[in-house]
Amino acid sequence: MSSLQILSGGAAQGLVSQLQGKFFSEAGRGIEGTYGAVGLMRDKLLAGEPCDVIILTQALIDELTAAGHVQSGSARPLGIVKTGVAVKTGVAQPRVDTPEALKTALLAARGIYFPDPVKATAGIHFMNVLKQLGIDAQVAPCLRPFPNGATAMREMAQAKENGLIGCTQVTEILYTPGVDLVARLPKEFELATVYTAAVAAKAEQPQAARLLIDLLVSPAAAELRRNGGFE
């Protein structure tokens, strides 16, 4: 039996991976997931890449539903994901609870890891934060963008140099070994994104797709969602 095909923002990767075993026991099939910047995942869907379940921001799911690329009435919210600051496990954690403290921490960093500033929700937002802080030009030599937040965090965890800091959605921080969540961005720069799962209009396995979505949003998975950074 063929695997269920998923296109998803990186924010949901950890949650899906933790429910793969339960899904297999109930549906008798595995999951093949492609995870990355939400803009890129939308583009893959529109380009015709096989997809049963699509997990993106609520805004993008609404657009895709209106355009007929997502089955109407199938969308279910997973929860709110905020954007946070991370450092490598075991190093001193800087203060980032105010704009001034965040600015100081970023200026002191030797490397700043974050997701795609063009197609990733958190990456776009983080670049705007740097501009609002007035330090985008100063920190430009230290910027280390990656295709998605999970990759950015993994690369930071494996980097040998000191003085590194990262910014992406808290789900991607919490699910990456070797990095620790310092705190969410200060209130002034808060980014709270609703992530939503839906059945793709051209899904080859719509029934299995709905089953997976039911598992993702179920009360039984509430603790997994909460521990993984969904609010």
Protein backbone atom coordinates (compact mmCIF):
# COMPACT_ATOMS: atom_id res chain seq x y z
CA MET A 1 0.00 0.00 0.00
CA SER A 2 1.45 3.37 -1.02
CA SER A 3 2.53 5.90 1.59
CA LEU A 4 0.55 9.02 2.37
CA GLN A 5 2.12 12.06 0.71
CA ILE A 6 2.53 15.24 2.78
CA LEU A 7 3.68 18.73 1.89
CA SER A 8 4.19 20.73 5.07
CA GLY A 9 5.76 23.74 6.63
CA GLY A 10 8.65 22.76 8.86
CA ALA A 11 6.69 23.72 11.97
CA ALA A 12 4.69 20.48 11.82
CA GLN A 13 7.51 18.05 11.03
CA GLY A 14 8.16 16.99 14.62
CA LEU A 15 4.48 16.47 15.38
CA VAL A 16 3.89 14.35 12.28
CA SER A 17 6.98 12.24 12.97
CA GLN A 18 5.78 11.44 16.49
CA LEU A 19 2.42 10.24 15.19
CA GLN A 20 3.76 8.14 12.29
CA GLY A 21 3.69 4.91 14.30
CA LYS A 22 0.09 5.41 15.41
CA PHE A 23 -0.95 6.33 11.88
CA PHE A 24 0.70 3.18 10.50
CA SER A 25 -1.07 0.99 13.04
CA GLU A 26 -4.45 2.52 12.15
CA ALA A 27 -4.07 3.06 8.40
CA GLY A 28 -1.56 0.36 7.47
CA ARG A 29 0.66 2.73 5.52
CA GLY A 30 3.61 5.00 6.08
CA ILE A 31 4.07 8.71 5.57
CA GLU A 32 6.33 10.37 3.03
CA GLY A 33 6.71 13.98 4.04
CA THR A 34 8.37 16.93 2.36
CA TYR A 35 8.95 19.78 4.81
CA GLY A 36 10.20 23.29 4.24
CA ALA A 37 9.32 26.94 3.87
CA VAL A 38 5.57 27.33 3.50
CA GLY A 39 5.92 29.35 0.30
CA LEU A 40 7.99 26.60 -1.26
CA MET A 41 5.51 23.91 -0.17
CA ARG A 42 2.66 25.90 -1.72
CA ASP A 43 4.65 26.18 -4.94
CA LYS A 44 5.24 22.41 -4.99
CA LEU A 45 1.51 21.76 -4.61
CA LEU A 46 0.69 24.18 -7.42
CA ALA A 47 3.34 22.56 -9.61
CA GLY A 48 1.52 19.25 -9.30
CA GLU A 49 3.70 17.39 -6.82
CA PRO A 50 1.81 14.40 -5.34
CA CYS A 51 0.08 15.46 -2.14
CA ASP A 52 -2.61 14.02 0.10
CA VAL A 53 -2.21 16.31 3.14
CA ILE A 54 -1.02 19.90 3.01
CA ILE A 55 0.01 21.70 6.22
CA LEU A 56 0.64 25.43 5.89
CA THR A 57 -0.32 28.69 7.54
CA GLN A 58 -4.05 29.33 7.87
CA ALA A 59 -3.76 32.23 5.41
CA LEU A 60 -2.19 30.05 2.70
CA ILE A 61 -4.68 27.23 3.25
CA ASP A 62 -7.52 29.72 2.88
CA GLU A 63 -6.03 30.96 -0.41
CA LEU A 64 -5.56 27.43 -1.73
CA THR A 65 -9.09 26.44 -0.71
CA ALA A 66 -10.57 29.45 -2.48
CA ALA A 67 -8.59 28.58 -5.61
CA GLY A 68 -9.76 24.95 -5.55
CA HIS A 69 -6.42 23.34 -4.64
CA VAL A 70 -7.64 22.14 -1.23
CA GLN A 71 -10.84 20.23 -0.48
CA SER A 72 -13.40 22.63 0.91
CA GLY A 73 -14.31 21.90 4.54
CA SER A 74 -11.26 19.70 5.17
CA ALA A 75 -9.08 22.30 6.92
CA ARG A 76 -8.37 21.77 10.63
CA PRO A 77 -6.13 24.07 12.74
CA LEU A 78 -3.24 22.44 14.62
CA GLY A 79 -2.59 25.45 16.81
CA ILE A 80 -0.60 28.65 17.11
CA VAL A 81 3.18 28.60 16.68
CA LYS A 82 5.32 31.50 17.85
CA THR A 83 8.81 32.46 16.78
CA GLY A 84 11.69 32.23 19.22
CA VAL A 85 15.42 32.59 19.76
CA ALA A 86 17.77 29.64 20.16
CA VAL A 87 21.37 28.91 21.09
CA LYS A 88 23.44 25.75 21.10
CA THR A 89 22.82 23.42 24.02
CA GLY A 90 25.15 24.04 26.93
CA VAL A 91 26.15 27.63 26.17
CA ALA A 92 25.17 30.69 28.16
CA GLN A 93 21.77 32.03 27.16
CA PRO A 94 21.60 35.76 26.40
CA ARG A 95 18.75 38.00 27.45
CA VAL A 96 16.33 38.55 24.57
CA ASP A 97 13.20 39.61 26.48
CA THR A 98 13.25 43.24 25.31
CA PRO A 99 14.05 44.83 21.95
CA GLU A 100 17.26 46.32 23.38
CA ALA A 101 18.35 43.01 24.88
CA LEU A 102 17.62 41.20 21.60
CA LYS A 103 19.58 43.82 19.69
CA THR A 104 22.57 43.40 22.01
CA ALA A 105 22.48 39.61 21.67
CA LEU A 106 22.30 39.74 17.87
CA LEU A 107 25.12 42.28 17.58
CA ALA A 108 27.31 40.06 19.76
CA ALA A 109 26.69 36.95 17.67
CA ARG A 110 29.32 35.56 15.31
CA GLY A 111 26.71 33.69 13.33
CA ILE A 112 22.93 34.14 13.06
CA TYR A 113 20.99 31.11 11.81
CA PHE A 114 17.46 31.49 10.43
CA PRO A 115 15.15 30.20 7.65
CA ASP A 116 14.67 31.45 4.09
CA PRO A 117 14.01 35.22 4.21
CA VAL A 118 11.89 35.05 1.04
CA LYS A 119 9.62 32.00 1.37
CA ALA A 120 9.68 31.03 5.08
CA THR A 121 7.25 32.72 7.47
CA ALA A 122 9.78 33.06 10.29
CA GLY A 123 12.59 34.08 7.94
CA ILE A 124 10.59 36.90 6.40
CA HIS A 125 9.58 38.08 9.85
CA PHE A 126 13.10 37.89 11.27
CA MET A 127 14.51 40.08 8.49
CA ASN A 128 11.82 42.65 9.31
CA VAL A 129 12.82 42.49 12.98
CA LEU A 130 16.45 43.21 12.06
CA LYS A 131 15.29 46.22 10.03
CA GLN A 132 13.11 47.48 12.88
CA LEU A 133 16.07 47.15 15.25
CA GLY A 134 18.16 49.11 12.74
CA ILE A 135 20.92 46.48 12.61
CA ASP A 136 20.25 44.65 9.33
CA ALA A 137 23.32 46.16 7.67
CA GLN A 138 25.55 45.62 10.71
CA VAL A 139 24.77 41.93 11.09
CA ALA A 140 24.64 41.13 7.37
CA PRO A 141 28.09 39.42 7.37
CA CYS A 142 26.91 37.09 10.17
CA LEU A 143 23.61 36.01 8.61
CA ARG A 144 23.32 32.29 7.84
CA PRO A 145 20.00 31.65 6.03
CA PHE A 146 18.87 28.09 5.25
CA PRO A 147 15.91 26.67 3.26
CA ASN A 148 13.87 26.15 6.43
CA GLY A 149 14.06 26.56 10.19
CA ALA A 150 14.71 22.89 10.92
CA THR A 151 17.77 22.91 8.67
CA ALA A 152 18.97 26.18 10.18
CA MET A 153 18.74 24.75 13.70
CA ARG A 154 20.40 21.49 12.72
CA GLU A 155 23.28 23.34 11.08
CA MET A 156 23.70 25.57 14.12
CA ALA A 157 23.76 22.54 16.41
CA GLN A 158 26.53 20.98 14.32
CA ALA A 159 28.59 24.15 13.87
CA LYS A 160 31.95 24.19 15.65
CA GLU A 161 32.30 27.92 16.26
CA ASN A 162 31.08 29.76 19.34
CA GLY A 163 28.85 32.79 19.70
CA LEU A 164 25.98 31.52 17.56
CA ILE A 165 22.31 32.45 17.81
CA GLY A 166 19.25 31.39 15.84
CA CYS A 167 15.71 32.51 15.21
CA THR A 168 12.86 30.41 13.87
CA GLN A 169 9.54 28.95 14.96
CA VAL A 170 9.64 27.37 18.41
CA THR A 171 8.45 24.01 17.08
CA GLU A 172 11.59 23.70 14.96
CA ILE A 173 13.78 24.66 17.90
CA LEU A 174 12.17 22.25 20.36
CA TYR A 175 12.39 19.29 17.98
CA THR A 176 16.08 19.81 17.10
CA PRO A 177 18.67 18.06 19.31
CA GLY A 178 21.62 20.25 20.21
CA VAL A 179 19.81 23.57 20.41
CA ASP A 180 17.80 25.13 23.23
CA LEU A 181 14.95 27.62 23.16
CA VAL A 182 16.05 30.79 24.96
CA ALA A 183 12.69 32.57 24.74
CA ARG A 184 10.03 33.69 22.33
CA LEU A 185 10.61 37.00 20.61
CA PRO A 186 9.75 40.09 22.67
CA LYS A 187 6.10 41.12 22.55
CA GLU A 188 6.96 44.02 20.26
CA PHE A 189 8.16 41.55 17.62
CA GLU A 190 5.87 38.62 18.35
CA LEU A 191 4.88 36.42 15.45
CA ALA A 192 2.03 34.01 16.17
CA THR A 193 1.15 31.81 13.20
CA VAL A 194 -1.82 29.46 12.98
CA TYR A 195 -0.88 26.23 11.20
CA THR A 196 -3.63 24.29 9.50
CA ALA A 197 -3.84 20.84 7.91
CA ALA A 198 -6.11 20.09 4.97
CA VAL A 199 -6.77 17.47 2.30
CA ALA A 200 -5.35 18.35 -1.11
CA ALA A 201 -7.90 18.59 -3.91
CA LYS A 202 -6.03 15.98 -5.95
CA ALA A 203 -5.35 13.65 -3.01
CA GLU A 204 -5.08 10.02 -4.11
CA GLN A 205 -5.82 8.82 -0.56
CA PRO A 206 -8.39 11.29 0.84
CA GLN A 207 -9.73 8.90 3.47
CA ALA A 208 -6.26 8.22 4.89
CA ALA A 209 -5.51 11.94 4.68
CA ARG A 210 -8.53 12.72 6.85
CA LEU A 211 -7.47 10.03 9.31
CA LEU A 212 -4.03 11.59 9.71
CA ILE A 213 -5.51 15.04 10.20
CA ASP A 214 -7.87 13.62 12.83
CA LEU A 215 -4.84 12.20 14.67
CA LEU A 216 -2.93 15.49 14.44
CA VAL A 217 -5.75 17.55 15.95
CA SER A 218 -7.09 14.92 18.37
CA PRO A 219 -7.33 15.49 22.15
CA ALA A 220 -5.03 12.46 22.54
CA ALA A 221 -2.27 14.39 20.75
CA ALA A 222 -2.80 17.59 22.74
CA GLU A 223 0.24 17.02 24.93
CA LEU A 224 2.43 16.27 21.92
CA ARG A 225 1.29 19.50 20.31
CA ARG A 226 1.85 21.50 23.49
CA ASN A 227 5.29 20.02 24.22
CA GLY A 228 6.26 20.62 20.62
CA GLY A 229 5.47 24.33 20.69
CA PHE A 230 1.88 24.51 19.46
CA GLU A 231 -0.36 26.71 21.59
